[in-house]
């Protein structure tokens, strides 16, 4: 499916206020439907820790690719691309435009730039499955340095997938994407939200503590009580991984919280690096309150 109408995309690091801004933009512009490019908000029941927009927050603005999978299911790039293209086709048929809201950079580029998704290599994946994550990452760094540089060394699922493709196809995993400097022309209007680093670091910590107050630990325990269990993908979610270690391995809650905040901050740094290399993105900054970018952003997009 080719995406023909001009659509919008809003990117930026986690905790920078993208979801709230997106809803405000959609209400102001009208005929906008939000498409979430988040690899964890797809899971039903993973609400608090993924900062999923609530039903009340979504009122009046259609949201897509939220609550479309069970936590026991694996979710990957290929599935996202198929679902996102289907959803955007339906949005276009209604005469509306999509607003892609993303924190998962690979999902964003795969959809906006239309690059292909490499086939699975199940035998290679099985052969690699017994190796430690650190060993896999070291091999990936030798075979595909560019790909390794874009992946969290502790994210076993992504490291394994990248190495699976690199070995199984004979091509670096990074070669299937747009490339470090390949940013083709697009009919998407791309915008990014920028906050000072100190502000973002504080927001990340405050948000996680608020999640704990809102019942994140109980949410994790409910997920674990499901007989179907949690997929490898779901177990990697920020905050969930650390609280799972608290529940299953006895890691003290305070230590789990500290680790979750630290990993989220590292993730935010990688997101900033990913987004800032794309010259097509127009950045909108705020000193403190992310919603302060709305007037400038709407001024940019209202004429589109």
C-alpha atoms as a PDB file:
ATOM      1  CA  UNK A   1       0.000   0.000   0.000  1.00  0.00           C
ATOM      2  CA  UNK A   2       1.363   3.423  -0.911  1.00  0.00           C
ATOM      3  CA  UNK A   3       0.643   6.261   1.479  1.00  0.00           C
ATOM      4  CA  UNK A   4      -0.647   9.051  -0.730  1.00  0.00           C
ATOM      5  CA  UNK A   5      -1.985  11.826   1.470  1.00  0.00           C
ATOM      6  CA  UNK A   6       0.229  14.174   3.457  1.00  0.00           C
ATOM      7  CA  UNK A   7       0.335  12.949   7.022  1.00  0.00           C
ATOM      8  CA  UNK A   8       2.015  14.172  10.192  1.00  0.00           C
ATOM      9  CA  UNK A   9       4.547  12.621  12.557  1.00  0.00           C
ATOM     10  CA  UNK A  10       5.552  13.771  16.030  1.00  0.00           C
ATOM     11  CA  UNK A  11       8.700  12.326  17.559  1.00  0.00           C
ATOM     12  CA  UNK A  12      10.917  12.836  20.558  1.00  0.00           C
ATOM     13  CA  UNK A  13      12.352  11.035  23.575  1.00  0.00           C
ATOM     14  CA  UNK A  14      10.227   9.294  26.146  1.00  0.00           C
ATOM     15  CA  UNK A  15       8.548  11.542  28.746  1.00  0.00           C
ATOM     16  CA  UNK A  16       8.750  14.645  26.540  1.00  0.00           C
ATOM     17  CA  UNK A  17       4.957  15.010  26.368  1.00  0.00           C
ATOM     18  CA  UNK A  18       4.296  13.705  22.841  1.00  0.00           C
ATOM     19  CA  UNK A  19       0.964  12.059  23.638  1.00  0.00           C
ATOM     20  CA  UNK A  20      -0.582  15.172  25.186  1.00  0.00           C
ATOM     21  CA  UNK A  21       0.676  17.358  22.378  1.00  0.00           C
ATOM     22  CA  UNK A  22      -0.681  14.938  19.783  1.00  0.00           C
ATOM     23  CA  UNK A  23      -4.184  15.014  21.261  1.00  0.00           C
ATOM     24  CA  UNK A  24      -4.148  18.819  21.380  1.00  0.00           C
ATOM     25  CA  UNK A  25      -2.946  19.016  17.768  1.00  0.00           C
ATOM     26  CA  UNK A  26      -5.575  16.535  16.576  1.00  0.00           C
ATOM     27  CA  UNK A  27      -8.384  18.458  18.282  1.00  0.00           C
ATOM     28  CA  UNK A  28      -7.165  21.761  16.886  1.00  0.00           C
ATOM     29  CA  UNK A  29      -6.692  20.602  13.295  1.00  0.00           C
ATOM     30  CA  UNK A  30      -9.668  18.227  13.034  1.00  0.00           C
ATOM     31  CA  UNK A  31      -9.896  15.130  10.813  1.00  0.00           C
ATOM     32  CA  UNK A  32      -6.752  13.776  12.456  1.00  0.00           C
ATOM     33  CA  UNK A  33      -6.377  10.225  13.760  1.00  0.00           C
ATOM     34  CA  UNK A  34      -3.445   9.247  15.963  1.00  0.00           C
ATOM     35  CA  UNK A  35      -1.350   6.215  15.045  1.00  0.00           C
ATOM     36  CA  UNK A  36       0.947   5.103  17.860  1.00  0.00           C
ATOM     37  CA  UNK A  37       4.451   3.959  16.907  1.00  0.00           C
ATOM     38  CA  UNK A  38       5.268   2.478  20.287  1.00  0.00           C
ATOM     39  CA  UNK A  39       6.361  -1.133  20.587  1.00  0.00           C
ATOM     40  CA  UNK A  40       4.845  -1.581  24.063  1.00  0.00           C
ATOM     41  CA  UNK A  41       1.564   0.378  24.023  1.00  0.00           C
ATOM     42  CA  UNK A  42       0.275  -2.358  21.712  1.00  0.00           C
ATOM     43  CA  UNK A  43      -0.136  -4.664  24.735  1.00  0.00           C
ATOM     44  CA  UNK A  44      -3.428  -4.972  26.558  1.00  0.00           C
ATOM     45  CA  UNK A  45      -3.066  -4.584  30.310  1.00  0.00           C
ATOM     46  CA  UNK A  46       0.280  -2.814  30.098  1.00  0.00           C
ATOM     47  CA  UNK A  47      -1.239   0.585  30.727  1.00  0.00           C
ATOM     48  CA  UNK A  48       0.501   2.409  33.545  1.00  0.00           C
ATOM     49  CA  UNK A  49       4.101   1.573  32.734  1.00  0.00           C
ATOM     50  CA  UNK A  50       3.818   2.361  29.026  1.00  0.00           C
ATOM     51  CA  UNK A  51       2.273   5.790  29.756  1.00  0.00           C
ATOM     52  CA  UNK A  52      -0.621   4.764  27.547  1.00  0.00           C
ATOM     53  CA  UNK A  53      -3.149   7.566  26.921  1.00  0.00           C
ATOM     54  CA  UNK A  54      -6.252   6.901  29.000  1.00  0.00           C
ATOM     55  CA  UNK A  55      -9.714   6.457  27.532  1.00  0.00           C
ATOM     56  CA  UNK A  56     -10.584   9.955  28.770  1.00  0.00           C
ATOM     57  CA  UNK A  57      -7.480  11.450  27.164  1.00  0.00           C
ATOM     58  CA  UNK A  58      -8.359   9.769  23.868  1.00  0.00           C
ATOM     59  CA  UNK A  59     -11.950  11.040  23.910  1.00  0.00           C
ATOM     60  CA  UNK A  60     -12.879  12.561  20.572  1.00  0.00           C
ATOM     61  CA  UNK A  61      -9.577  11.633  18.916  1.00  0.00           C
ATOM     62  CA  UNK A  62      -9.325   8.162  17.340  1.00  0.00           C
ATOM     63  CA  UNK A  63      -6.179   6.312  18.402  1.00  0.00           C
ATOM     64  CA  UNK A  64      -4.794   3.265  16.608  1.00  0.00           C
ATOM     65  CA  UNK A  65      -2.323   0.477  17.478  1.00  0.00           C
ATOM     66  CA  UNK A  66      -3.055   0.656  21.189  1.00  0.00           C
ATOM     67  CA  UNK A  67      -4.295  -2.532  22.902  1.00  0.00           C
ATOM     68  CA  UNK A  68      -3.999  -4.698  19.790  1.00  0.00           C
ATOM     69  CA  UNK A  69      -1.959  -7.595  21.202  1.00  0.00           C
ATOM     70  CA  UNK A  70      -1.854  -9.814  24.262  1.00  0.00           C
ATOM     71  CA  UNK A  71       1.230  -9.529  26.490  1.00  0.00           C
ATOM     72  CA  UNK A  72       1.933 -13.179  25.759  1.00  0.00           C
ATOM     73  CA  UNK A  73       2.399 -12.394  22.043  1.00  0.00           C
ATOM     74  CA  UNK A  74       5.608 -11.377  20.341  1.00  0.00           C
ATOM     75  CA  UNK A  75       5.384  -8.000  18.599  1.00  0.00           C
ATOM     76  CA  UNK A  76       7.930  -6.953  15.996  1.00  0.00           C
ATOM     77  CA  UNK A  77       8.650  -4.509  13.202  1.00  0.00           C
ATOM     78  CA  UNK A  78       7.026  -6.618  10.491  1.00  0.00           C
ATOM     79  CA  UNK A  79       3.771  -6.841  12.416  1.00  0.00           C
ATOM     80  CA  UNK A  80       3.817  -3.112  13.134  1.00  0.00           C
ATOM     81  CA  UNK A  81       4.360  -2.226   9.475  1.00  0.00           C
ATOM     82  CA  UNK A  82       1.516  -4.443   8.310  1.00  0.00           C
ATOM     83  CA  UNK A  83      -0.907  -3.087  10.910  1.00  0.00           C
ATOM     84  CA  UNK A  84       0.151   0.534  10.463  1.00  0.00           C
ATOM     85  CA  UNK A  85      -0.240   0.455   6.681  1.00  0.00           C
ATOM     86  CA  UNK A  86      -3.665  -1.124   7.025  1.00  0.00           C
ATOM     87  CA  UNK A  87      -4.746   1.491   9.564  1.00  0.00           C
ATOM     88  CA  UNK A  88      -3.421   4.419   7.542  1.00  0.00           C
ATOM     89  CA  UNK A  89      -5.148   3.124   4.418  1.00  0.00           C
ATOM     90  CA  UNK A  90      -8.446   3.132   6.305  1.00  0.00           C
ATOM     91  CA  UNK A  91      -7.753   6.644   7.621  1.00  0.00           C
ATOM     92  CA  UNK A  92      -7.166   7.860   4.074  1.00  0.00           C
ATOM     93  CA  UNK A  93     -10.371   6.203   2.876  1.00  0.00           C
ATOM     94  CA  UNK A  94     -12.230   8.283   5.454  1.00  0.00           C
ATOM     95  CA  UNK A  95     -10.655  11.432   4.052  1.00  0.00           C
ATOM     96  CA  UNK A  96      -8.672  11.955   7.246  1.00  0.00           C
ATOM     97  CA  UNK A  97      -4.955  12.259   7.927  1.00  0.00           C
ATOM     98  CA  UNK A  98      -2.748  10.305  10.279  1.00  0.00           C
ATOM     99  CA  UNK A  99      -0.635  11.717  13.081  1.00  0.00           C
ATOM    100  CA  UNK A 100       2.111   9.200  13.806  1.00  0.00           C
ATOM    101  CA  UNK A 101       3.316   9.558  17.394  1.00  0.00           C
ATOM    102  CA  UNK A 102       6.536   7.727  17.955  1.00  0.00           C
ATOM    103  CA  UNK A 103       9.216   6.850  20.360  1.00  0.00           C
ATOM    104  CA  UNK A 104      10.381   3.698  18.561  1.00  0.00           C
ATOM    105  CA  UNK A 105      12.725   5.097  15.928  1.00  0.00           C
ATOM    106  CA  UNK A 106      12.939   1.993  13.784  1.00  0.00           C
ATOM    107  CA  UNK A 107       9.148   1.816  13.522  1.00  0.00           C
ATOM    108  CA  UNK A 108       9.010   5.459  12.497  1.00  0.00           C
ATOM    109  CA  UNK A 109      11.609   5.151   9.726  1.00  0.00           C
ATOM    110  CA  UNK A 110      10.262   1.861   8.435  1.00  0.00           C
ATOM    111  CA  UNK A 111       6.819   3.396   7.957  1.00  0.00           C
ATOM    112  CA  UNK A 112       7.764   6.885   6.804  1.00  0.00           C
ATOM    113  CA  UNK A 113      10.520   5.725   4.455  1.00  0.00           C
ATOM    114  CA  UNK A 114       8.915   2.462   3.408  1.00  0.00           C
ATOM    115  CA  UNK A 115      11.920   0.194   3.733  1.00  0.00           C
ATOM    116  CA  UNK A 116      11.614  -3.564   3.704  1.00  0.00           C
ATOM    117  CA  UNK A 117      11.628  -5.947   6.650  1.00  0.00           C
ATOM    118  CA  UNK A 118      14.072  -8.880   6.420  1.00  0.00           C
ATOM    119  CA  UNK A 119      12.648 -12.387   6.630  1.00  0.00           C
ATOM    120  CA  UNK A 120      12.987 -14.484   9.770  1.00  0.00           C
ATOM    121  CA  UNK A 121      15.908 -16.917   9.990  1.00  0.00           C
ATOM    122  CA  UNK A 122      14.569 -19.411  12.547  1.00  0.00           C
ATOM    123  CA  UNK A 123      17.438 -21.919  12.392  1.00  0.00           C
ATOM    124  CA  UNK A 124      20.013 -19.181  12.886  1.00  0.00           C
ATOM    125  CA  UNK A 125      17.993 -17.796  15.786  1.00  0.00           C
ATOM    126  CA  UNK A 126      17.863 -21.240  17.410  1.00  0.00           C
ATOM    127  CA  UNK A 127      21.614 -21.690  16.979  1.00  0.00           C
ATOM    128  CA  UNK A 128      22.262 -18.329  18.637  1.00  0.00           C
ATOM    129  CA  UNK A 129      19.696 -18.762  21.378  1.00  0.00           C
ATOM    130  CA  UNK A 130      21.997 -20.405  23.916  1.00  0.00           C
ATOM    131  CA  UNK A 131      24.624 -17.655  23.810  1.00  0.00           C
ATOM    132  CA  UNK A 132      24.785 -14.894  26.410  1.00  0.00           C
ATOM    133  CA  UNK A 133      23.474 -11.485  25.379  1.00  0.00           C
ATOM    134  CA  UNK A 134      26.880  -9.851  25.880  1.00  0.00           C
ATOM    135  CA  UNK A 135      28.491 -12.422  23.568  1.00  0.00           C
ATOM    136  CA  UNK A 136      25.824 -11.881  20.926  1.00  0.00           C
ATOM    137  CA  UNK A 137      26.318  -8.129  21.091  1.00  0.00           C
ATOM    138  CA  UNK A 138      30.082  -8.498  20.692  1.00  0.00           C
ATOM    139  CA  UNK A 139      29.546 -10.578  17.559  1.00  0.00           C
ATOM    140  CA  UNK A 140      27.063  -8.046  16.192  1.00  0.00           C
ATOM    141  CA  UNK A 141      29.501  -5.187  16.854  1.00  0.00           C
ATOM    142  CA  UNK A 142      32.095  -6.960  14.689  1.00  0.00           C
ATOM    143  CA  UNK A 143      29.723  -7.957  11.866  1.00  0.00           C
ATOM    144  CA  UNK A 144      27.512  -4.848  11.815  1.00  0.00           C
ATOM    145  CA  UNK A 145      28.969  -1.937  13.827  1.00  0.00           C
ATOM    146  CA  UNK A 146      26.313   0.502  12.563  1.00  0.00           C
ATOM    147  CA  UNK A 147      23.506  -1.805  13.613  1.00  0.00           C
ATOM    148  CA  UNK A 148      25.054  -2.514  17.000  1.00  0.00           C
ATOM    149  CA  UNK A 149      25.385   1.208  17.656  1.00  0.00           C
ATOM    150  CA  UNK A 150      21.627   1.641  17.401  1.00  0.00           C
ATOM    151  CA  UNK A 151      20.714  -1.136  19.847  1.00  0.00           C
ATOM    152  CA  UNK A 152      20.797  -1.269  23.627  1.00  0.00           C
ATOM    153  CA  UNK A 153      23.414  -3.969  24.422  1.00  0.00           C
ATOM    154  CA  UNK A 154      21.092  -5.310  27.129  1.00  0.00           C
ATOM    155  CA  UNK A 155      18.083  -5.698  24.818  1.00  0.00           C
ATOM    156  CA  UNK A 156      18.486  -9.383  24.052  1.00  0.00           C
ATOM    157  CA  UNK A 157      15.515  -9.579  21.700  1.00  0.00           C
ATOM    158  CA  UNK A 158      16.801  -6.846  19.391  1.00  0.00           C
ATOM    159  CA  UNK A 159      20.425  -7.964  19.562  1.00  0.00           C
ATOM    160  CA  UNK A 160      19.420 -11.519  18.687  1.00  0.00           C
ATOM    161  CA  UNK A 161      17.203 -10.371  15.823  1.00  0.00           C
ATOM    162  CA  UNK A 162      19.928  -8.164  14.341  1.00  0.00           C
ATOM    163  CA  UNK A 163      22.491 -10.945  14.505  1.00  0.00           C
ATOM    164  CA  UNK A 164      19.984 -13.459  13.144  1.00  0.00           C
ATOM    165  CA  UNK A 165      19.448 -11.301  10.055  1.00  0.00           C
ATOM    166  CA  UNK A 166      23.113 -10.409   9.617  1.00  0.00           C
ATOM    167  CA  UNK A 167      24.260 -14.028   9.709  1.00  0.00           C
ATOM    168  CA  UNK A 168      21.244 -15.565   8.015  1.00  0.00           C
ATOM    169  CA  UNK A 169      21.073 -13.215   5.027  1.00  0.00           C
ATOM    170  CA  UNK A 170      24.732 -12.312   4.664  1.00  0.00           C
ATOM    171  CA  UNK A 171      23.793  -8.627   4.837  1.00  0.00           C
ATOM    172  CA  UNK A 172      24.224  -6.317   7.839  1.00  0.00           C
ATOM    173  CA  UNK A 173      20.965  -5.777   9.677  1.00  0.00           C
ATOM    174  CA  UNK A 174      21.493  -2.007   9.380  1.00  0.00           C
ATOM    175  CA  UNK A 175      21.485  -2.282   5.568  1.00  0.00           C
ATOM    176  CA  UNK A 176      17.767  -3.044   5.598  1.00  0.00           C
ATOM    177  CA  UNK A 177      16.976   0.378   7.044  1.00  0.00           C
ATOM    178  CA  UNK A 178      17.328   3.819   5.516  1.00  0.00           C
ATOM    179  CA  UNK A 179      21.007   4.048   6.419  1.00  0.00           C
ATOM    180  CA  UNK A 180      22.680   6.561   8.704  1.00  0.00           C
ATOM    181  CA  UNK A 181      22.619   9.379   6.147  1.00  0.00           C
ATOM    182  CA  UNK A 182      19.762   8.280   3.886  1.00  0.00           C
ATOM    183  CA  UNK A 183      16.766  10.550   4.432  1.00  0.00           C
ATOM    184  CA  UNK A 184      14.667  10.537   1.260  1.00  0.00           C
ATOM    185  CA  UNK A 185      12.032  13.070   0.373  1.00  0.00           C
ATOM    186  CA  UNK A 186       8.737  12.363   2.076  1.00  0.00           C
ATOM    187  CA  UNK A 187       5.204  13.714   2.039  1.00  0.00           C
ATOM    188  CA  UNK A 188       5.041  13.309   5.811  1.00  0.00           C
ATOM    189  CA  UNK A 189       5.304  16.504   7.869  1.00  0.00           C
ATOM    190  CA  UNK A 190       7.850  15.641  10.564  1.00  0.00           C
ATOM    191  CA  UNK A 191       8.162  17.473  13.882  1.00  0.00           C
ATOM    192  CA  UNK A 192      10.095  16.791  17.052  1.00  0.00           C
ATOM    193  CA  UNK A 193       9.676  17.895  20.655  1.00  0.00           C
ATOM    194  CA  UNK A 194      12.779  19.091  22.477  1.00  0.00           C
ATOM    195  CA  UNK A 195      13.223  19.708  26.223  1.00  0.00           C
ATOM    196  CA  UNK A 196      16.412  20.597  28.105  1.00  0.00           C
ATOM    197  CA  UNK A 197      18.222  17.463  29.218  1.00  0.00           C
ATOM    198  CA  UNK A 198      17.982  18.302  32.919  1.00  0.00           C
ATOM    199  CA  UNK A 199      14.228  18.821  32.585  1.00  0.00           C
ATOM    200  CA  UNK A 200      13.787  15.534  30.739  1.00  0.00           C
ATOM    201  CA  UNK A 201      15.853  13.638  33.305  1.00  0.00           C
ATOM    202  CA  UNK A 202      13.670  15.011  36.075  1.00  0.00           C
ATOM    203  CA  UNK A 203      10.454  14.246  34.184  1.00  0.00           C
ATOM    204  CA  UNK A 204      11.575  10.648  33.644  1.00  0.00           C
ATOM    205  CA  UNK A 205      12.158  10.095  37.350  1.00  0.00           C
ATOM    206  CA  UNK A 206       8.982  11.897  38.425  1.00  0.00           C
ATOM    207  CA  UNK A 207       6.918   9.973  35.905  1.00  0.00           C
ATOM    208  CA  UNK A 208       8.209   6.604  37.043  1.00  0.00           C
ATOM    209  CA  UNK A 209       7.575   7.433  40.681  1.00  0.00           C
ATOM    210  CA  UNK A 210       4.053   8.537  39.733  1.00  0.00           C
ATOM    211  CA  UNK A 211       3.596   5.220  37.926  1.00  0.00           C
ATOM    212  CA  UNK A 212       4.517   3.360  41.084  1.00  0.00           C
ATOM    213  CA  UNK A 213       2.036   5.462  43.048  1.00  0.00           C
ATOM    214  CA  UNK A 214      -0.612   4.692  40.425  1.00  0.00           C
ATOM    215  CA  UNK A 215      -0.177   0.932  40.899  1.00  0.00           C
ATOM    216  CA  UNK A 216       2.495  -0.161  38.424  1.00  0.00           C
ATOM    217  CA  UNK A 217       3.744  -2.947  40.698  1.00  0.00           C
ATOM    218  CA  UNK A 218       0.222  -4.350  41.021  1.00  0.00           C
ATOM    219  CA  UNK A 219      -0.099  -4.157  37.240  1.00  0.00           C
ATOM    220  CA  UNK A 220       3.081  -6.218  36.845  1.00  0.00           C
ATOM    221  CA  UNK A 221       1.796  -8.784  39.339  1.00  0.00           C
ATOM    222  CA  UNK A 222      -1.501  -9.062  37.438  1.00  0.00           C
ATOM    223  CA  UNK A 223       0.397  -9.665  34.215  1.00  0.00           C
ATOM    224  CA  UNK A 224       2.409 -12.417  35.855  1.00  0.00           C
ATOM    225  CA  UNK A 225      -0.754 -14.079  37.151  1.00  0.00           C
ATOM    226  CA  UNK A 226      -1.963 -14.674  33.586  1.00  0.00           C
ATOM    227  CA  UNK A 227      -1.436 -18.368  32.713  1.00  0.00           C
ATOM    228  CA  UNK A 228      -0.376 -17.394  29.184  1.00  0.00           C
ATOM    229  CA  UNK A 229       2.640 -15.562  30.611  1.00  0.00           C
ATOM    230  CA  UNK A 230       4.619 -12.674  29.177  1.00  0.00           C
ATOM    231  CA  UNK A 231       6.411 -12.721  25.842  1.00  0.00           C
ATOM    232  CA  UNK A 232      10.099 -11.887  25.535  1.00  0.00           C
ATOM    233  CA  UNK A 233       9.079  -8.620  23.900  1.00  0.00           C
ATOM    234  CA  UNK A 234       6.771  -7.548  26.710  1.00  0.00           C
ATOM    235  CA  UNK A 235       9.348  -8.476  29.335  1.00  0.00           C
ATOM    236  CA  UNK A 236      11.789  -5.933  27.869  1.00  0.00           C
ATOM    237  CA  UNK A 237       9.475  -2.948  28.444  1.00  0.00           C
ATOM    238  CA  UNK A 238      10.964  -0.095  30.416  1.00  0.00           C
ATOM    239  CA  UNK A 239      10.050  -0.386  34.071  1.00  0.00           C
ATOM    240  CA  UNK A 240       8.410  -3.771  33.654  1.00  0.00           C
ATOM    241  CA  UNK A 241      11.737  -5.562  33.236  1.00  0.00           C
ATOM    242  CA  UNK A 242      13.036  -4.076  36.477  1.00  0.00           C
ATOM    243  CA  UNK A 243       9.860  -4.734  38.462  1.00  0.00           C
ATOM    244  CA  UNK A 244       9.753  -8.284  37.142  1.00  0.00           C
ATOM    245  CA  UNK A 245      13.215  -8.711  38.651  1.00  0.00           C
ATOM    246  CA  UNK A 246      11.818  -7.381  41.913  1.00  0.00           C
ATOM    247  CA  UNK A 247       8.898  -9.837  41.920  1.00  0.00           C
ATOM    248  CA  UNK A 248      10.627 -12.898  40.476  1.00  0.00           C
ATOM    249  CA  UNK A 249      14.219 -12.521  41.679  1.00  0.00           C
ATOM    250  CA  UNK A 250      13.851 -10.533  44.875  1.00  0.00           C
ATOM    251  CA  UNK A 251      15.637  -7.379  43.715  1.00  0.00           C
ATOM    252  CA  UNK A 252      14.724  -4.681  46.290  1.00  0.00           C
ATOM    253  CA  UNK A 253      11.966  -2.382  45.072  1.00  0.00           C
ATOM    254  CA  UNK A 254      14.089   0.743  45.569  1.00  0.00           C
ATOM    255  CA  UNK A 255      16.896  -0.781  43.491  1.00  0.00           C
ATOM    256  CA  UNK A 256      14.451  -1.856  40.796  1.00  0.00           C
ATOM    257  CA  UNK A 257      13.095   1.698  40.624  1.00  0.00           C
ATOM    258  CA  UNK A 258      16.600   3.145  40.389  1.00  0.00           C
ATOM    259  CA  UNK A 259      17.498   0.749  37.585  1.00  0.00           C
ATOM    260  CA  UNK A 260      14.266   1.532  35.724  1.00  0.00           C
ATOM    261  CA  UNK A 261      14.886   5.277  35.855  1.00  0.00           C
ATOM    262  CA  UNK A 262      18.505   4.847  34.767  1.00  0.00           C
ATOM    263  CA  UNK A 263      17.580   2.598  31.829  1.00  0.00           C
ATOM    264  CA  UNK A 264      14.842   4.990  30.750  1.00  0.00           C
ATOM    265  CA  UNK A 265      17.285   7.894  30.782  1.00  0.00           C
ATOM    266  CA  UNK A 266      19.743   5.922  28.648  1.00  0.00           C
ATOM    267  CA  UNK A 267      16.928   5.073  26.273  1.00  0.00           C
ATOM    268  CA  UNK A 268      15.977   8.755  26.018  1.00  0.00           C
ATOM    269  CA  UNK A 269      19.578   9.631  25.115  1.00  0.00           C
ATOM    270  CA  UNK A 270      19.584   7.048  22.329  1.00  0.00           C
ATOM    271  CA  UNK A 271      16.250   8.360  21.070  1.00  0.00           C
ATOM    272  CA  UNK A 272      17.616  11.913  20.914  1.00  0.00           C
ATOM    273  CA  UNK A 273      20.643  10.727  18.972  1.00  0.00           C
ATOM    274  CA  UNK A 274      18.420   8.760  16.574  1.00  0.00           C
ATOM    275  CA  UNK A 275      16.039  11.615  15.867  1.00  0.00           C
ATOM    276  CA  UNK A 276      18.581  14.437  15.684  1.00  0.00           C
ATOM    277  CA  UNK A 277      20.399  12.866  12.749  1.00  0.00           C
ATOM    278  CA  UNK A 278      17.294  13.224  10.563  1.00  0.00           C
ATOM    279  CA  UNK A 279      17.423  16.666   8.886  1.00  0.00           C
ATOM    280  CA  UNK A 280      13.786  16.436   7.789  1.00  0.00           C
ATOM    281  CA  UNK A 281      12.487  16.842  11.335  1.00  0.00           C
ATOM    282  CA  UNK A 282      11.521  20.366  12.395  1.00  0.00           C
ATOM    283  CA  UNK A 283      12.239  20.770  16.107  1.00  0.00           C
ATOM    284  CA  UNK A 284      10.059  22.643  18.586  1.00  0.00           C
ATOM    285  CA  UNK A 285      11.499  23.326  22.013  1.00  0.00           C
ATOM    286  CA  UNK A 286      10.058  24.223  25.384  1.00  0.00           C
ATOM    287  CA  UNK A 287      11.867  25.327  28.511  1.00  0.00           C
ATOM    288  CA  UNK A 288       9.650  23.394  30.927  1.00  0.00           C
ATOM    289  CA  UNK A 289       6.085  22.642  29.780  1.00  0.00           C
ATOM    290  CA  UNK A 290       5.935  20.595  26.533  1.00  0.00           C
ATOM    291  CA  UNK A 291       2.527  22.076  25.649  1.00  0.00           C
ATOM    292  CA  UNK A 292       4.280  25.416  25.158  1.00  0.00           C
ATOM    293  CA  UNK A 293       5.291  24.192  21.678  1.00  0.00           C
ATOM    294  CA  UNK A 294       1.661  24.053  20.524  1.00  0.00           C
ATOM    295  CA  UNK A 295       1.318  27.560  18.998  1.00  0.00           C
ATOM    296  CA  UNK A 296       4.447  27.194  16.865  1.00  0.00           C
ATOM    297  CA  UNK A 297       3.655  23.613  15.905  1.00  0.00           C
ATOM    298  CA  UNK A 298       0.076  24.434  14.918  1.00  0.00           C
ATOM    299  CA  UNK A 299       1.306  27.439  12.958  1.00  0.00           C
ATOM    300  CA  UNK A 300       3.579  25.104  11.020  1.00  0.00           C
ATOM    301  CA  UNK A 301       0.961  22.435  10.367  1.00  0.00           C
ATOM    302  CA  UNK A 302      -2.256  24.396   9.920  1.00  0.00           C
ATOM    303  CA  UNK A 303      -1.220  25.417   6.412  1.00  0.00           C
ATOM    304  CA  UNK A 304      -0.337  21.850   5.411  1.00  0.00           C
END
